[in-house]
Amino acid sequence: MDMYRLFFYLLLVLSITFTSCFTYVDMELNQNPKMVLHGYVSPQMDTTIVTLTNSAPLFTANPLKVRFIVHAIVEISDDNYHWEKMDFDTLFCVYFIPQARFPIYEGKTYHVRASATGFETVYSYCTVPYFRETYFKMDMGNPCNIKHEKWFDETHYHPKIEWTDYAGEDNYYTFMNSSFYLASWNYDWDEDGNIIYTDSLFKYGIGFFYNENWKTCIYSDHGKDGQRMNDKLHYRSNLYNMEKFVLYEVQTDKHWYMYHKSVYDSEGGMQFFMLEPAQFYTNIRNGYGVFGAFVMRKHSFEKEN
């Protein structure tokens, strides 16, 4: 499987994993289920992928299972007039369309809509940002043998990243690595898209970097227009002493940023039993989720011995 396509599948799985734990609550707590759409467009991905699930309202006598919606019509457009129907992948339960059939370009606006029995038709749109030159730099620093945690005593680094914000417009940034792996799933789904929970362990390396304070490396240039920006990555970003350090500089639209920031801002409360329902950012009309865009550039760094 193409590495970039696997990247996309894992990113969407992570979105589903988080949002399946929460319910979007309006004033009426016993609301009808809504469609949840996750999709991203990028010129660097060979395929555009959309995932559909359902919301599961709280405080109902018959709570619904979160499931993949597998019998839907999903369409994408670059002018909101001519629409292309997306295909369905039965293995991963996603809707997709290759760029060879529907190309994605920087600076262009794209529209998506999805309809399925039992749900309102959902709709959204987003604009792909232009990749801006940021003069990105990363300083790996010197090897460190200080034992920060009782269970982590490997030789590691404290990398520092720096980049210059592109002045005169709103910009959003994140940084990812290419260390993706799937050990085993903690759920499966049946032929109708219903998630079947199991006792197996799900492990993933979705690729988001964390800084030294364990905050996800997602940034806005708000109040820092045109300035030099920087952060220090967490020492566990050492990628287990791999000789080549690969980092993706990702520049996103506002929708991508707002959605992921709302997810990770609420992440710290996920461990508490009496957690109140979380309201995540969404730009999906008649539903939930996100339709966003990003561009990215790959950087490779060799570690000094």
Protein backbone atom coordinates (compact mmCIF):
# COMPACT_ATOMS: atom_id res chain seq x y z
CA MET A 1 0.00 0.00 0.00
CA ASP A 2 1.22 3.49 -0.82
CA MET A 3 2.80 5.15 2.25
CA TYR A 4 0.82 8.36 1.85
CA ARG A 5 -2.44 6.45 1.56
CA LEU A 6 -1.62 4.52 4.76
CA PHE A 7 -0.84 7.87 6.37
CA PHE A 8 -4.34 9.06 5.47
CA TYR A 9 -6.07 5.90 6.70
CA LEU A 10 -4.32 6.17 10.06
CA LEU A 11 -5.12 9.84 10.39
CA LEU A 12 -8.79 9.14 9.80
CA VAL A 13 -8.75 6.17 12.20
CA LEU A 14 -7.33 8.45 14.88
CA SER A 15 -10.11 10.96 14.26
CA ILE A 16 -12.71 8.22 14.61
CA THR A 17 -11.05 6.84 17.75
CA PHE A 18 -11.25 10.21 19.48
CA THR A 19 -14.65 11.38 18.29
CA SER A 20 -16.29 8.04 19.01
CA CYS A 21 -15.62 8.69 22.72
CA PHE A 22 -17.58 11.92 22.74
CA THR A 23 -21.09 13.08 21.97
CA TYR A 24 -22.00 16.41 20.43
CA VAL A 25 -24.74 17.79 22.65
CA ASP A 26 -27.18 20.54 21.62
CA MET A 27 -29.96 21.93 23.80
CA GLU A 28 -32.04 18.80 23.21
CA LEU A 29 -30.16 15.90 24.73
CA ASN A 30 -32.32 13.20 23.09
CA GLN A 31 -31.53 14.42 19.58
CA ASN A 32 -31.57 12.16 16.54
CA PRO A 33 -28.22 10.74 15.41
CA LYS A 34 -26.32 12.79 12.87
CA MET A 35 -23.77 11.89 10.26
CA VAL A 36 -20.11 12.42 11.22
CA LEU A 37 -17.84 13.15 8.26
CA HIS A 38 -14.05 13.26 8.33
CA GLY A 39 -12.18 14.15 5.18
CA TYR A 40 -9.05 16.02 4.10
CA VAL A 41 -7.77 17.20 0.74
CA SER A 42 -4.10 17.71 -0.07
CA PRO A 43 -2.07 17.94 -3.29
CA GLN A 44 0.56 15.68 -1.71
CA MET A 45 -1.80 12.75 -1.16
CA ASP A 46 -2.47 10.44 -4.08
CA THR A 47 -6.06 9.81 -2.93
CA THR A 48 -8.77 11.90 -1.28
CA ILE A 49 -10.49 9.91 1.46
CA VAL A 50 -13.70 10.49 3.44
CA THR A 51 -14.96 8.48 6.42
CA LEU A 52 -18.58 8.47 7.60
CA THR A 53 -19.82 7.39 11.03
CA ASN A 54 -22.82 8.30 13.20
CA SER A 55 -23.10 10.32 16.38
CA ALA A 56 -24.38 8.59 19.52
CA PRO A 57 -26.52 10.94 21.65
CA LEU A 58 -26.26 10.80 25.42
CA PHE A 59 -29.11 10.23 27.89
CA THR A 60 -31.23 8.05 25.63
CA ALA A 61 -33.07 4.85 26.52
CA ASN A 62 -31.60 3.12 23.46
CA PRO A 63 -28.08 4.43 22.87
CA LEU A 64 -26.72 3.76 19.39
CA LYS A 65 -23.52 1.99 18.51
CA VAL A 66 -20.96 4.03 16.66
CA ARG A 67 -20.71 2.48 13.19
CA PHE A 68 -19.27 3.17 9.80
CA ILE A 69 -21.90 4.30 7.33
CA VAL A 70 -21.24 2.02 4.39
CA HIS A 71 -24.26 2.55 2.13
CA ALA A 72 -23.94 6.26 1.42
CA ILE A 73 -23.48 8.45 -1.61
CA VAL A 74 -20.44 10.68 -1.19
CA GLU A 75 -19.57 13.28 -3.80
CA ILE A 76 -16.84 15.88 -4.23
CA SER A 77 -16.68 18.99 -6.41
CA ASP A 78 -14.28 21.80 -7.27
CA ASP A 79 -17.00 24.25 -8.35
CA ASN A 80 -20.10 23.23 -6.30
CA TYR A 81 -21.83 22.42 -9.59
CA HIS A 82 -20.15 19.42 -11.22
CA TRP A 83 -19.89 16.53 -8.76
CA GLU A 84 -17.79 13.35 -8.82
CA LYS A 85 -19.00 10.28 -6.92
CA MET A 86 -16.43 8.72 -4.62
CA ASP A 87 -15.82 4.95 -4.55
CA PHE A 88 -16.10 2.78 -1.44
CA ASP A 89 -13.29 0.65 0.01
CA THR A 90 -14.84 -2.38 1.75
CA LEU A 91 -11.63 -3.25 3.63
CA PHE A 92 -11.12 0.10 5.35
CA CYS A 93 -14.74 1.31 5.16
CA VAL A 94 -13.79 4.62 3.57
CA TYR A 95 -14.93 6.54 0.51
CA PHE A 96 -12.13 7.55 -1.85
CA ILE A 97 -11.23 9.08 -5.19
CA PRO A 98 -7.70 9.03 -6.71
CA GLN A 99 -6.06 12.27 -7.72
CA ALA A 100 -5.65 10.85 -11.21
CA ARG A 101 -9.43 11.18 -11.45
CA PHE A 102 -9.96 14.22 -9.26
CA PRO A 103 -6.80 16.33 -8.77
CA ILE A 104 -6.25 18.64 -5.80
CA TYR A 105 -4.50 21.99 -6.23
CA GLU A 106 -3.16 24.64 -3.87
CA GLY A 107 -5.40 27.68 -3.51
CA LYS A 108 -8.51 25.94 -4.84
CA THR A 109 -11.79 25.43 -2.95
CA TYR A 110 -13.38 21.97 -2.75
CA HIS A 111 -16.85 20.89 -1.72
CA VAL A 112 -18.10 17.59 -0.30
CA ARG A 113 -21.57 16.21 0.35
CA ALA A 114 -22.85 12.88 1.65
CA SER A 115 -26.30 11.33 1.92
CA ALA A 116 -27.51 8.10 3.51
CA THR A 117 -30.82 6.63 4.63
CA GLY A 118 -31.76 7.81 8.12
CA PHE A 119 -29.56 10.93 8.08
CA GLU A 120 -29.77 14.48 6.84
CA THR A 121 -27.54 15.20 3.86
CA VAL A 122 -24.31 16.79 5.08
CA TYR A 123 -22.22 19.35 3.23
CA SER A 124 -18.96 21.25 3.68
CA TYR A 125 -16.19 22.99 1.82
CA CYS A 126 -12.59 24.05 2.37
CA THR A 127 -9.77 25.82 0.55
CA VAL A 128 -6.33 24.28 0.16
CA PRO A 129 -3.64 26.65 1.47
CA TYR A 130 -0.57 27.56 -0.53
CA PHE A 131 2.65 26.10 0.81
CA ARG A 132 4.62 29.07 2.13
CA GLU A 133 8.39 29.17 2.52
CA THR A 134 9.12 29.18 6.26
CA TYR A 135 12.91 28.59 6.25
CA PHE A 136 12.33 25.63 8.53
CA LYS A 137 15.26 24.42 10.62
CA MET A 138 15.69 21.67 13.18
CA ASP A 139 18.56 21.41 15.61
CA MET A 140 18.87 17.86 16.96
CA GLY A 141 21.16 19.01 19.77
CA ASN A 142 23.62 16.70 21.48
CA PRO A 143 22.93 13.13 22.62
CA CYS A 144 21.53 13.09 26.15
CA ASN A 145 21.75 10.26 28.70
CA ILE A 146 19.82 11.92 31.52
CA LYS A 147 17.11 9.58 32.81
CA HIS A 148 13.88 11.62 32.70
CA GLU A 149 11.54 8.71 33.44
CA LYS A 150 12.10 5.55 35.40
CA TRP A 151 11.10 3.44 32.38
CA PHE A 152 12.99 5.45 29.74
CA ASP A 153 16.77 5.50 29.96
CA GLU A 154 17.83 5.34 26.30
CA THR A 155 20.23 7.81 24.77
CA HIS A 156 18.02 10.49 23.24
CA TYR A 157 17.89 14.03 21.84
CA HIS A 158 16.01 17.24 22.59
CA PRO A 159 15.31 18.52 19.08
CA LYS A 160 14.41 22.18 18.56
CA ILE A 161 12.35 23.28 15.56
CA GLU A 162 12.24 26.81 14.12
CA TRP A 163 10.32 28.39 11.26
CA THR A 164 9.32 31.87 10.06
CA ASP A 165 5.64 32.65 9.71
CA TYR A 166 4.54 33.93 6.32
CA ALA A 167 3.42 37.52 6.96
CA GLY A 168 0.13 39.10 5.99
CA GLU A 169 -2.23 36.12 6.28
CA ASP A 170 -3.51 33.61 8.82
CA ASN A 171 -1.38 30.47 8.87
CA TYR A 172 -1.56 27.17 10.75
CA TYR A 173 1.18 24.61 11.23
CA THR A 174 1.76 21.13 12.55
CA PHE A 175 4.63 18.64 12.36
CA MET A 176 4.44 14.88 11.90
CA ASN A 177 6.82 11.98 11.55
CA SER A 178 6.73 8.94 9.29
CA SER A 179 6.85 6.33 12.05
CA PHE A 180 3.48 4.63 11.55
CA TYR A 181 2.62 1.15 12.78
CA LEU A 182 -0.45 -0.91 13.60
CA ALA A 183 0.04 -3.65 16.17
CA SER A 184 -3.59 -4.77 16.45
CA TRP A 185 -7.05 -3.25 16.48
CA ASN A 186 -9.18 -2.83 19.57
CA TYR A 187 -12.28 -3.08 17.40
CA ASP A 188 -13.55 -4.59 14.18
CA TRP A 189 -16.69 -4.00 12.15
CA ASP A 190 -19.31 -6.20 10.56
CA GLU A 191 -20.60 -6.06 6.98
CA ASP A 192 -23.02 -3.26 7.87
CA GLY A 193 -20.26 -1.09 9.29
CA ASN A 194 -21.10 -1.67 12.96
CA ILE A 195 -18.03 -1.49 15.17
CA ILE A 196 -17.51 -4.72 17.12
CA TYR A 197 -15.37 -4.17 20.20
CA THR A 198 -12.82 -6.79 21.18
CA ASP A 199 -10.23 -7.26 23.91
CA SER A 200 -7.31 -6.85 21.53
CA LEU A 201 -4.87 -4.00 21.94
CA PHE A 202 -4.76 -1.14 19.45
CA LYS A 203 -1.44 0.64 19.06
CA TYR A 204 -0.71 3.36 16.58
CA GLY A 205 2.00 5.86 15.72
CA ILE A 206 -0.12 8.51 14.09
CA GLY A 207 2.81 10.84 13.64
CA PHE A 208 1.97 13.96 15.62
CA PHE A 209 4.96 15.38 17.45
CA TYR A 210 4.67 16.58 21.05
CA ASN A 211 6.68 19.37 22.63
CA GLU A 212 8.61 19.13 25.88
CA ASN A 213 5.40 19.85 27.84
CA TRP A 214 3.55 16.97 26.15
CA LYS A 215 1.42 19.38 24.11
CA THR A 216 0.62 18.43 20.53
CA CYS A 217 2.64 20.43 18.01
CA ILE A 218 -0.26 22.32 16.43
CA TYR A 219 0.26 26.06 15.98
CA SER A 220 -1.46 29.25 14.84
CA ASP A 221 0.35 32.46 13.90
CA HIS A 222 -2.22 34.51 15.84
CA GLY A 223 -0.29 37.40 17.44
CA LYS A 224 2.92 36.22 15.75
CA ASP A 225 2.41 37.35 12.15
CA GLY A 226 5.70 37.24 10.26
CA GLN A 227 7.68 36.28 13.36
CA ARG A 228 10.21 33.52 13.86
CA MET A 229 8.45 30.69 15.70
CA ASN A 230 10.02 27.81 17.60
CA ASP A 231 9.40 24.94 19.98
CA LYS A 232 11.35 22.14 21.61
CA LEU A 233 10.17 18.63 20.85
CA HIS A 234 9.66 16.07 23.57
CA TYR A 235 12.67 13.83 24.11
CA ARG A 236 10.54 10.82 23.23
CA SER A 237 10.44 12.26 19.68
CA ASN A 238 13.85 10.64 19.24
CA LEU A 239 12.13 7.90 17.19
CA TYR A 240 13.95 5.24 19.16
CA ASN A 241 17.43 6.22 18.01
CA MET A 242 16.77 5.83 14.31
CA GLU A 243 19.71 7.09 12.27
CA LYS A 244 17.54 9.13 9.90
CA PHE A 245 15.01 11.51 11.44
CA VAL A 246 12.10 12.24 9.07
CA LEU A 247 9.74 15.13 9.71
CA TYR A 248 6.80 16.45 7.70
CA GLU A 249 6.19 20.19 7.83
CA VAL A 250 2.43 20.52 7.41
CA GLN A 251 0.61 23.78 6.71
CA THR A 252 -3.16 23.51 7.21
CA ASP A 253 -6.33 25.48 6.69
CA LYS A 254 -8.27 26.92 9.64
CA HIS A 255 -10.80 24.06 9.70
CA TRP A 256 -8.07 21.40 10.09
CA TYR A 257 -6.43 23.48 12.83
CA MET A 258 -9.60 24.30 14.77
CA TYR A 259 -10.87 20.73 14.75
CA HIS A 260 -7.62 19.10 15.84
CA LYS A 261 -6.94 21.78 18.44
CA SER A 262 -10.36 21.17 19.99
CA VAL A 263 -9.68 17.42 20.06
CA TYR A 264 -6.28 17.74 21.71
CA ASP A 265 -7.34 20.51 24.09
CA SER A 266 -9.92 18.09 25.52
CA GLU A 267 -7.56 15.10 25.51
CA GLY A 268 -6.37 15.72 29.06
CA GLY A 269 -9.87 15.17 30.44
CA MET A 270 -10.47 11.84 28.73
CA GLN A 271 -9.22 9.90 31.75
CA PHE A 272 -11.86 11.25 34.14
CA PHE A 273 -14.98 9.16 34.72
CA MET A 274 -17.38 12.09 35.20
CA LEU A 275 -16.31 13.84 32.01
CA GLU A 276 -18.85 16.28 30.61
CA PRO A 277 -19.70 15.93 26.90
CA ALA A 278 -17.13 17.70 24.73
CA GLN A 279 -18.10 19.99 21.90
CA PHE A 280 -15.54 19.72 19.11
CA TYR A 281 -15.17 22.23 16.33
CA THR A 282 -17.03 21.23 13.17
CA ASN A 283 -17.60 22.78 9.75
CA ILE A 284 -20.05 20.10 8.58
CA ARG A 285 -23.54 21.42 7.81
CA ASN A 286 -26.28 19.17 9.29
CA GLY A 287 -23.68 16.91 10.90
CA TYR A 288 -20.38 16.73 12.73
CA GLY A 289 -16.73 16.11 11.96
CA VAL A 290 -14.43 18.14 9.72
CA PHE A 291 -13.58 18.70 6.08
CA GLY A 292 -10.19 20.38 5.90
CA ALA A 293 -7.09 20.81 3.79
CA PHE A 294 -3.34 20.83 4.12
CA VAL A 295 -0.08 20.94 2.19
CA MET A 296 3.18 19.44 3.37
CA ARG A 297 6.90 19.10 2.76
CA LYS A 298 9.22 16.29 3.83
CA HIS A 299 12.47 17.02 5.70
CA SER A 300 15.12 14.38 6.44
CA PHE A 301 17.87 14.80 9.02
CA GLU A 302 20.88 12.63 9.65
CA LYS A 303 21.91 12.20 13.26
CA GLU A 304 25.50 12.84 14.20
CA ASN A 305 27.28 10.04 15.99
